[in-house]
C-alpha atoms as a PDB file:
ATOM      1  CA  GLN A   1      11.997  -2.592  13.310  1.00  0.00           C
ATOM      2  CA  TYR A   2      10.357  -6.029  13.314  1.00  0.00           C
ATOM      3  CA  ALA A   3      13.164  -8.258  12.082  1.00  0.00           C
ATOM      4  CA  THR A   4      11.328 -11.533  12.751  1.00  0.00           C
ATOM      5  CA  CYS A   5       8.574 -10.511  10.352  1.00  0.00           C
ATOM      6  CA  SER A   6      11.038 -10.525   7.465  1.00  0.00           C
ATOM      7  CA  THR A   7      13.670 -13.054   8.605  1.00  0.00           C
ATOM      8  CA  GLY A   8      11.615 -15.599  10.566  1.00  0.00           C
ATOM      9  CA  GLN A   9      11.407 -19.095   9.130  1.00  0.00           C
ATOM     10  CA  ARG A  10       8.151 -20.176  10.801  1.00  0.00           C
ATOM     11  CA  GLN A  11       5.813 -17.356   9.926  1.00  0.00           C
ATOM     12  CA  SER A  12       2.029 -17.181   9.565  1.00  0.00           C
ATOM     13  CA  PRO A  13      -0.341 -17.237   7.788  1.00  0.00           C
ATOM     14  CA  ILE A  14       0.309 -20.006   5.261  1.00  0.00           C
ATOM     15  CA  ASP A  15      -1.260 -21.545   2.194  1.00  0.00           C
ATOM     16  CA  VAL A  16      -2.146 -25.140   3.047  1.00  0.00           C
ATOM     17  CA  ILE A  17      -1.430 -27.602   0.235  1.00  0.00           C
ATOM     18  CA  SER A  18      -3.917 -30.420   0.714  1.00  0.00           C
ATOM     19  CA  ALA A  19      -1.766 -32.995  -1.042  1.00  0.00           C
ATOM     20  CA  GLN A  20       1.056 -32.386   1.424  1.00  0.00           C
ATOM     21  CA  GLU A  21      -0.902 -32.765   4.669  1.00  0.00           C
ATOM     22  CA  THR A  22       0.400 -35.341   7.146  1.00  0.00           C
ATOM     23  CA  ALA A  23      -2.182 -37.539   8.880  1.00  0.00           C
ATOM     24  CA  VAL A  24      -1.665 -37.935  12.633  1.00  0.00           C
ATOM     25  CA  ALA A  25      -3.168 -40.995  14.282  1.00  0.00           C
ATOM     26  CA  GLY A  26      -5.046 -40.466  17.519  1.00  0.00           C
ATOM     27  CA  SER A  27      -5.484 -36.711  17.108  1.00  0.00           C
ATOM     28  CA  GLU A  28      -7.115 -34.948  20.029  1.00  0.00           C
ATOM     29  CA  THR A  29     -10.799 -34.050  20.159  1.00  0.00           C
ATOM     30  CA  LEU A  30     -11.130 -30.286  20.441  1.00  0.00           C
ATOM     31  CA  GLY A  31     -13.493 -28.355  22.663  1.00  0.00           C
ATOM     32  CA  TRP A  32     -13.832 -25.434  25.048  1.00  0.00           C
ATOM     33  CA  ASN A  33     -14.701 -25.859  28.709  1.00  0.00           C
ATOM     34  CA  ILE A  34     -16.986 -23.037  29.809  1.00  0.00           C
ATOM     35  CA  PRO A  35     -17.798 -22.610  33.517  1.00  0.00           C
ATOM     36  CA  ALA A  36     -21.478 -22.789  34.371  1.00  0.00           C
ATOM     37  CA  GLY A  37     -23.017 -19.326  34.478  1.00  0.00           C
ATOM     38  CA  ASN A  38     -20.456 -17.873  32.058  1.00  0.00           C
ATOM     39  CA  TYR A  39     -22.218 -18.768  28.849  1.00  0.00           C
ATOM     40  CA  GLU A  40     -23.864 -15.446  28.115  1.00  0.00           C
ATOM     41  CA  LYS A  41     -21.146 -12.863  28.464  1.00  0.00           C
ATOM     42  CA  PHE A  42     -20.149  -9.791  26.545  1.00  0.00           C
ATOM     43  CA  LEU A  43     -17.397  -9.456  24.021  1.00  0.00           C
ATOM     44  CA  HIS A  44     -15.561  -6.188  24.521  1.00  0.00           C
ATOM     45  CA  ARG A  45     -14.546  -4.563  21.270  1.00  0.00           C
ATOM     46  CA  LEU A  46     -11.038  -3.115  21.343  1.00  0.00           C
ATOM     47  CA  LYS A  47      -9.689  -0.844  18.638  1.00  0.00           C
ATOM     48  CA  SER A  48      -6.078  -1.783  17.962  1.00  0.00           C
ATOM     49  CA  ALA A  49      -3.247   0.733  17.907  1.00  0.00           C
ATOM     50  CA  PRO A  50      -2.224   2.252  14.566  1.00  0.00           C
ATOM     51  CA  GLY A  51       0.444   0.342  12.652  1.00  0.00           C
ATOM     52  CA  ASP A  52       3.870   1.624  11.736  1.00  0.00           C
ATOM     53  CA  GLY A  53       2.967   2.339   8.130  1.00  0.00           C
ATOM     54  CA  GLU A  54       4.527  -0.776   6.623  1.00  0.00           C
ATOM     55  CA  GLU A  55       1.981  -2.043   4.133  1.00  0.00           C
ATOM     56  CA  GLU A  56       2.817  -5.737   4.582  1.00  0.00           C
ATOM     57  CA  TYR A  57       1.756  -5.769   8.197  1.00  0.00           C
ATOM     58  CA  VAL A  58      -1.889  -4.924   8.723  1.00  0.00           C
ATOM     59  CA  THR A  59      -3.066  -4.905  12.332  1.00  0.00           C
ATOM     60  CA  PRO A  60      -6.630  -6.195  12.785  1.00  0.00           C
ATOM     61  CA  GLN A  61      -8.924  -3.210  12.833  1.00  0.00           C
ATOM     62  CA  HIS A  62     -10.875  -4.614  15.715  1.00  0.00           C
ATOM     63  CA  VAL A  63     -10.225  -7.187  18.380  1.00  0.00           C
ATOM     64  CA  TYR A  64     -12.932  -8.639  20.589  1.00  0.00           C
ATOM     65  CA  GLU A  65     -11.877  -9.351  24.139  1.00  0.00           C
ATOM     66  CA  VAL A  66     -13.646 -12.356  25.614  1.00  0.00           C
ATOM     67  CA  THR A  67     -14.723 -10.779  28.868  1.00  0.00           C
ATOM     68  CA  SER A  68     -15.433 -12.889  31.956  1.00  0.00           C
ATOM     69  CA  VAL A  69     -16.047 -16.096  30.025  1.00  0.00           C
ATOM     70  CA  ASP A  70     -12.983 -17.908  31.391  1.00  0.00           C
ATOM     71  CA  ALA A  71     -13.250 -20.582  28.677  1.00  0.00           C
ATOM     72  CA  THR A  72     -10.369 -23.026  28.357  1.00  0.00           C
ATOM     73  CA  MET A  73      -9.268 -25.615  25.813  1.00  0.00           C
ATOM     74  CA  PRO A  74      -7.089 -28.623  26.657  1.00  0.00           C
ATOM     75  CA  TYR A  75      -4.667 -29.234  23.786  1.00  0.00           C
ATOM     76  CA  ASP A  76      -1.179 -30.629  23.290  1.00  0.00           C
ATOM     77  CA  GLY A  77      -0.593 -31.246  26.981  1.00  0.00           C
ATOM     78  CA  ALA A  78      -1.593 -27.785  28.191  1.00  0.00           C
ATOM     79  CA  THR A  79      -4.726 -25.897  29.212  1.00  0.00           C
ATOM     80  CA  TRP A  80      -5.261 -22.806  27.086  1.00  0.00           C
ATOM     81  CA  GLN A  81      -7.423 -19.855  28.110  1.00  0.00           C
ATOM     82  CA  VAL A  82      -9.194 -18.002  25.325  1.00  0.00           C
ATOM     83  CA  LYS A  83      -8.349 -14.297  25.533  1.00  0.00           C
ATOM     84  CA  ARG A  84      -9.751 -12.629  22.447  1.00  0.00           C
ATOM     85  CA  ILE A  85     -11.269 -13.096  19.020  1.00  0.00           C
ATOM     86  CA  GLN A  86      -9.757 -11.368  15.993  1.00  0.00           C
ATOM     87  CA  LEU A  87     -11.606 -11.001  12.719  1.00  0.00           C
ATOM     88  CA  HIS A  88      -9.939 -10.875   9.315  1.00  0.00           C
ATOM     89  CA  THR A  89     -11.723 -10.105   6.071  1.00  0.00           C
ATOM     90  CA  PRO A  90     -10.952 -11.954   3.896  1.00  0.00           C
ATOM     91  CA  SER A  91      -9.144 -14.887   5.511  1.00  0.00           C
ATOM     92  CA  GLU A  92      -5.414 -14.812   6.167  1.00  0.00           C
ATOM     93  CA  HIS A  93      -4.941 -18.552   5.713  1.00  0.00           C
ATOM     94  CA  THR A  94      -5.689 -20.147   2.367  1.00  0.00           C
ATOM     95  CA  VAL A  95      -6.179 -23.755   1.266  1.00  0.00           C
ATOM     96  CA  ASP A  96      -4.776 -24.713  -2.126  1.00  0.00           C
ATOM     97  CA  GLY A  97      -4.671 -21.014  -2.906  1.00  0.00           C
ATOM     98  CA  LYS A  98      -8.345 -20.485  -2.029  1.00  0.00           C
ATOM     99  CA  GLN A  99      -9.235 -17.666   0.334  1.00  0.00           C
ATOM    100  CA  PHE A 100     -12.281 -17.658   2.594  1.00  0.00           C
ATOM    101  CA  ASP A 101     -14.485 -14.601   3.090  1.00  0.00           C
ATOM    102  CA  LEU A 102     -13.852 -14.330   6.835  1.00  0.00           C
ATOM    103  CA  GLU A 103     -11.434 -15.792   9.379  1.00  0.00           C
ATOM    104  CA  LEU A 104     -12.195 -15.791  13.097  1.00  0.00           C
ATOM    105  CA  GLN A 105      -9.058 -16.301  15.175  1.00  0.00           C
ATOM    106  CA  PHE A 106      -9.566 -17.455  18.764  1.00  0.00           C
ATOM    107  CA  VAL A 107      -6.372 -16.432  20.549  1.00  0.00           C
ATOM    108  CA  HIS A 108      -5.425 -18.493  23.615  1.00  0.00           C
ATOM    109  CA  GLU A 109      -2.632 -18.276  26.139  1.00  0.00           C
ATOM    110  CA  ALA A 110      -1.080 -20.759  28.551  1.00  0.00           C
ATOM    111  CA  VAL A 111       1.540 -19.996  31.174  1.00  0.00           C
ATOM    112  CA  GLY A 112       4.144 -22.657  31.936  1.00  0.00           C
ATOM    113  CA  ASP A 113       5.699 -23.505  35.281  1.00  0.00           C
ATOM    114  CA  ASP A 114       8.560 -21.133  34.478  1.00  0.00           C
ATOM    115  CA  GLY A 115       6.131 -18.252  33.929  1.00  0.00           C
ATOM    116  CA  THR A 116       6.608 -18.210  30.149  1.00  0.00           C
ATOM    117  CA  ALA A 117       3.454 -17.567  28.143  1.00  0.00           C
ATOM    118  CA  SER A 118       2.700 -19.549  24.989  1.00  0.00           C
ATOM    119  CA  ALA A 119       0.022 -19.006  22.371  1.00  0.00           C
ATOM    120  CA  LEU A 120      -2.520 -21.193  20.604  1.00  0.00           C
ATOM    121  CA  ILE A 121      -4.722 -19.725  17.863  1.00  0.00           C
ATOM    122  CA  VAL A 122      -7.756 -21.632  16.603  1.00  0.00           C
ATOM    123  CA  SER A 123      -9.132 -20.360  13.307  1.00  0.00           C
ATOM    124  CA  ALA A 124     -12.667 -20.822  12.028  1.00  0.00           C
ATOM    125  CA  PHE A 125     -13.609 -19.717   8.529  1.00  0.00           C
ATOM    126  CA  ALA A 126     -16.789 -18.349   7.014  1.00  0.00           C
ATOM    127  CA  VAL A 127     -18.038 -18.285   3.431  1.00  0.00           C
ATOM    128  CA  ALA A 128     -20.891 -16.310   1.895  1.00  0.00           C
ATOM    129  CA  GLU A 129     -23.165 -18.714   0.046  1.00  0.00           C
ATOM    130  CA  GLN A 130     -26.619 -18.245  -1.405  1.00  0.00           C
ATOM    131  CA  GLY A 131     -29.301 -20.048   0.540  1.00  0.00           C
ATOM    132  CA  GLN A 132     -27.302 -20.311   3.740  1.00  0.00           C
ATOM    133  CA  GLY A 133     -28.224 -18.390   6.863  1.00  0.00           C
ATOM    134  CA  SER A 134     -25.711 -16.843   9.233  1.00  0.00           C
ATOM    135  CA  PRO A 135     -25.159 -18.332  12.697  1.00  0.00           C
ATOM    136  CA  SER A 136     -26.890 -16.108  15.221  1.00  0.00           C
ATOM    137  CA  PHE A 137     -23.628 -14.741  16.671  1.00  0.00           C
ATOM    138  CA  LEU A 138     -22.508 -13.539  13.234  1.00  0.00           C
ATOM    139  CA  ARG A 139     -25.925 -11.927  12.684  1.00  0.00           C
ATOM    140  CA  THR A 140     -25.607 -10.166  16.038  1.00  0.00           C
ATOM    141  CA  LEU A 141     -22.127  -8.981  15.186  1.00  0.00           C
ATOM    142  CA  ALA A 142     -23.258  -7.746  11.775  1.00  0.00           C
ATOM    143  CA  GLU A 143     -26.191  -5.867  13.314  1.00  0.00           C
ATOM    144  CA  ALA A 144     -23.873  -4.228  15.851  1.00  0.00           C
ATOM    145  CA  ALA A 145     -21.166  -3.413  13.317  1.00  0.00           C
ATOM    146  CA  GLY A 146     -22.524  -0.049  12.219  1.00  0.00           C
ATOM    147  CA  LYS A 147     -22.967   1.141  15.801  1.00  0.00           C
ATOM    148  CA  LEU A 148     -19.536   0.298  17.192  1.00  0.00           C
ATOM    149  CA  THR A 149     -17.154   3.185  17.678  1.00  0.00           C
ATOM    150  CA  GLY A 150     -14.168   1.650  19.458  1.00  0.00           C
ATOM    151  CA  GLU A 151     -14.961   3.372  22.735  1.00  0.00           C
ATOM    152  CA  PRO A 152     -14.309   1.411  25.940  1.00  0.00           C
ATOM    153  CA  GLU A 153     -17.996   1.065  26.656  1.00  0.00           C
ATOM    154  CA  ASP A 154     -18.645  -0.827  23.430  1.00  0.00           C
ATOM    155  CA  ARG A 155     -20.052  -4.248  24.200  1.00  0.00           C
ATOM    156  CA  VAL A 156     -21.450  -6.900  21.913  1.00  0.00           C
ATOM    157  CA  PRO A 157     -23.790  -9.287  23.771  1.00  0.00           C
ATOM    158  CA  LEU A 158     -22.842 -12.716  22.436  1.00  0.00           C
ATOM    159  CA  ASP A 159     -23.211 -16.183  23.889  1.00  0.00           C
ATOM    160  CA  PHE A 160     -19.765 -17.788  23.796  1.00  0.00           C
ATOM    161  CA  ALA A 161     -21.303 -21.248  24.185  1.00  0.00           C
ATOM    162  CA  GLU A 162     -23.186 -20.690  20.926  1.00  0.00           C
ATOM    163  CA  ILE A 163     -19.996 -19.468  19.239  1.00  0.00           C
ATOM    164  CA  ALA A 164     -18.133 -22.527  20.504  1.00  0.00           C
ATOM    165  CA  GLN A 165     -20.779 -24.943  19.263  1.00  0.00           C
ATOM    166  CA  ALA A 166     -20.935 -23.345  15.819  1.00  0.00           C
ATOM    167  CA  ALA A 167     -17.160 -23.216  15.415  1.00  0.00           C
ATOM    168  CA  MET A 168     -16.484 -26.716  16.712  1.00  0.00           C
ATOM    169  CA  VAL A 169     -19.009 -28.315  14.376  1.00  0.00           C
ATOM    170  CA  GLY A 170     -19.059 -26.200  11.228  1.00  0.00           C
ATOM    171  CA  GLN A 171     -21.806 -26.394   8.636  1.00  0.00           C
ATOM    172  CA  LEU A 172     -22.731 -28.440   5.602  1.00  0.00           C
ATOM    173  CA  ALA A 173     -22.766 -26.608   2.305  1.00  0.00           C
ATOM    174  CA  HIS A 174     -26.278 -25.823   1.061  1.00  0.00           C
ATOM    175  CA  GLN A 175     -25.745 -27.632  -2.222  1.00  0.00           C
ATOM    176  CA  GLY A 176     -23.799 -30.745  -3.171  1.00  0.00           C
ATOM    177  CA  ALA A 177     -22.869 -31.844   0.349  1.00  0.00           C
ATOM    178  CA  ASN A 178     -23.151 -35.432   1.528  1.00  0.00           C
ATOM    179  CA  PRO A 179     -24.165 -35.573   5.210  1.00  0.00           C
ATOM    180  CA  ALA A 180     -22.702 -39.074   5.507  1.00  0.00           C
ATOM    181  CA  ASP A 181     -19.227 -37.691   4.811  1.00  0.00           C
ATOM    182  CA  PHE A 182     -19.464 -34.820   7.299  1.00  0.00           C
ATOM    183  CA  VAL A 183     -16.938 -34.886  10.151  1.00  0.00           C
ATOM    184  CA  PRO A 184     -17.427 -32.101  12.736  1.00  0.00           C
ATOM    185  CA  ASN A 185     -14.594 -29.684  13.341  1.00  0.00           C
ATOM    186  CA  PHE A 186     -13.775 -30.973  16.798  1.00  0.00           C
ATOM    187  CA  LYS A 187     -12.375 -34.028  14.987  1.00  0.00           C
ATOM    188  CA  ASN A 188     -11.626 -32.350  11.647  1.00  0.00           C
ATOM    189  CA  TYR A 189      -8.811 -29.836  11.685  1.00  0.00           C
ATOM    190  CA  LEU A 190      -5.294 -28.977  10.570  1.00  0.00           C
ATOM    191  CA  ALA A 191      -2.387 -28.004  12.803  1.00  0.00           C
ATOM    192  CA  TYR A 192       1.024 -26.433  12.328  1.00  0.00           C
ATOM    193  CA  ASN A 193       3.575 -24.261  14.120  1.00  0.00           C
ATOM    194  CA  GLY A 194       3.838 -20.627  13.113  1.00  0.00           C
ATOM    195  CA  SER A 195       3.735 -17.066  14.403  1.00  0.00           C
ATOM    196  CA  TYR A 196       1.496 -14.151  15.155  1.00  0.00           C
ATOM    197  CA  THR A 197       0.386 -12.505  11.915  1.00  0.00           C
ATOM    198  CA  THR A 198       0.982  -8.983  13.214  1.00  0.00           C
ATOM    199  CA  PRO A 199       4.232  -7.339  14.361  1.00  0.00           C
ATOM    200  CA  PRO A 200       6.442  -8.361  16.054  1.00  0.00           C
ATOM    201  CA  CYS A 201       5.484 -11.673  14.343  1.00  0.00           C
ATOM    202  CA  THR A 202       6.650 -13.719  17.334  1.00  0.00           C
ATOM    203  CA  GLU A 203       7.162 -17.386  16.453  1.00  0.00           C
ATOM    204  CA  GLY A 204       6.304 -20.463  18.505  1.00  0.00           C
ATOM    205  CA  VAL A 205       2.539 -20.060  18.057  1.00  0.00           C
ATOM    206  CA  ARG A 206       0.521 -23.244  17.681  1.00  0.00           C
ATOM    207  CA  TRP A 207      -2.163 -22.944  15.002  1.00  0.00           C
ATOM    208  CA  VAL A 208      -5.297 -25.057  14.587  1.00  0.00           C
ATOM    209  CA  LEU A 209      -7.375 -24.520  11.441  1.00  0.00           C
ATOM    210  CA  LEU A 210     -10.931 -25.882  11.521  1.00  0.00           C
ATOM    211  CA  ASN A 211     -11.805 -27.555   8.221  1.00  0.00           C
ATOM    212  CA  ASN A 212     -15.574 -27.077   7.976  1.00  0.00           C
ATOM    213  CA  PRO A 213     -16.479 -23.455   7.307  1.00  0.00           C
ATOM    214  CA  LEU A 214     -19.448 -21.555   8.648  1.00  0.00           C
ATOM    215  CA  TYR A 215     -21.796 -19.930   6.169  1.00  0.00           C
ATOM    216  CA  ILE A 216     -22.911 -16.331   6.298  1.00  0.00           C
ATOM    217  CA  TYR A 217     -25.440 -14.125   4.527  1.00  0.00           C
ATOM    218  CA  GLN A 218     -23.751 -11.801   2.063  1.00  0.00           C
ATOM    219  CA  GLN A 219     -25.319  -8.743   3.720  1.00  0.00           C
ATOM    220  CA  ASP A 220     -23.970  -9.821   7.104  1.00  0.00           C
ATOM    221  CA  LEU A 221     -20.527 -10.327   5.597  1.00  0.00           C
ATOM    222  CA  ASP A 222     -20.733  -6.890   3.964  1.00  0.00           C
ATOM    223  CA  ALA A 223     -21.522  -5.264   7.319  1.00  0.00           C
ATOM    224  CA  ILE A 224     -18.599  -6.989   9.055  1.00  0.00           C
ATOM    225  CA  THR A 225     -16.251  -6.217   6.151  1.00  0.00           C
ATOM    226  CA  ALA A 226     -17.226  -2.543   6.275  1.00  0.00           C
ATOM    227  CA  LEU A 227     -16.195  -2.544   9.940  1.00  0.00           C
ATOM    228  CA  GLU A 228     -12.992  -4.560   9.572  1.00  0.00           C
ATOM    229  CA  HIS A 229     -11.850  -3.512   6.084  1.00  0.00           C
ATOM    230  CA  LYS A 230      -9.167  -5.624   4.402  1.00  0.00           C
ATOM    231  CA  ASN A 231      -6.866  -6.552   7.260  1.00  0.00           C
ATOM    232  CA  ILE A 232      -4.734  -9.502   6.271  1.00  0.00           C
ATOM    233  CA  ARG A 233      -1.085 -10.419   6.045  1.00  0.00           C
ATOM    234  CA  PRO A 234       0.040 -12.280   2.886  1.00  0.00           C
ATOM    235  CA  THR A 235       0.753 -15.993   3.190  1.00  0.00           C
ATOM    236  CA  GLN A 236       4.308 -16.908   4.174  1.00  0.00           C
ATOM    237  CA  PRO A 237       6.630 -19.732   2.998  1.00  0.00           C
ATOM    238  CA  LEU A 238       6.364 -23.058   4.793  1.00  0.00           C
ATOM    239  CA  ASN A 239      10.139 -23.520   4.818  1.00  0.00           C
ATOM    240  CA  GLY A 240       9.859 -27.257   5.315  1.00  0.00           C
ATOM    241  CA  ARG A 241       7.175 -27.195   8.000  1.00  0.00           C
ATOM    242  CA  LYS A 242       4.574 -29.950   8.099  1.00  0.00           C
ATOM    243  CA  VAL A 243       0.842 -29.365   8.289  1.00  0.00           C
ATOM    244  CA  SER A 244      -0.894 -32.207  10.118  1.00  0.00           C
ATOM    245  CA  THR A 245      -4.477 -33.314   9.638  1.00  0.00           C
ATOM    246  CA  SER A 246      -6.659 -35.017  12.232  1.00  0.00           C
ATOM    247  CA  ILE A 247      -8.379 -37.059   9.519  1.00  0.00           C
ATOM    248  CA  PRO A 248      -6.742 -40.493   9.154  1.00  0.00           C
ATOM    249  CA  ALA A 249      -5.237 -41.273   5.757  1.00  0.00           C
END
């Protein structure tokens, strides 16, 4: 039914091999532009449609529509509007075989002059670590998790500006980190070309993976995981694709 999912050559997610990253000089600085007055808006929780029963393809249990924020990101010669946030527990992407506890995918769209829509997905990752507190938006989401039912009236009051700041910077690890070596995510990311991770697995999606993770209380992660369940697609072959890094060699 979804031939591209099984025959496509540029599929997502992937396992990033650090030793094979390609440094790109003059990489762009990332960031969202948020219109004044749109900072504190609601995320609308949408319950996705049931899948077709194929175990390999797991639709995210819950998608959060970014309502009325109208945030945009300039990247790769286009202006991308953020449409929704998808949560995956654990992460879909891995680095050197390592999986993160949570992946937040910010799904963007841009429409070209010919009316064709393209997609950009920016992924932030979260790790449960002792001694680290959750960013306030993850705490809010965890507190709301047990009360959400998937009904249209479900709203989670989150400040997208706070989400943007947390994601675009990342956090230092509680132990063993050297602040002098820290490069914020808006200048510290990976990029590659891939696909949506759910059917029909359409290719031509630009992916940006933010290097510095966020940290989250284990109890907050447990609450979000109980809501989302395990909803990931296995990593797919690179098939000769390059993964670029914004950090100079």
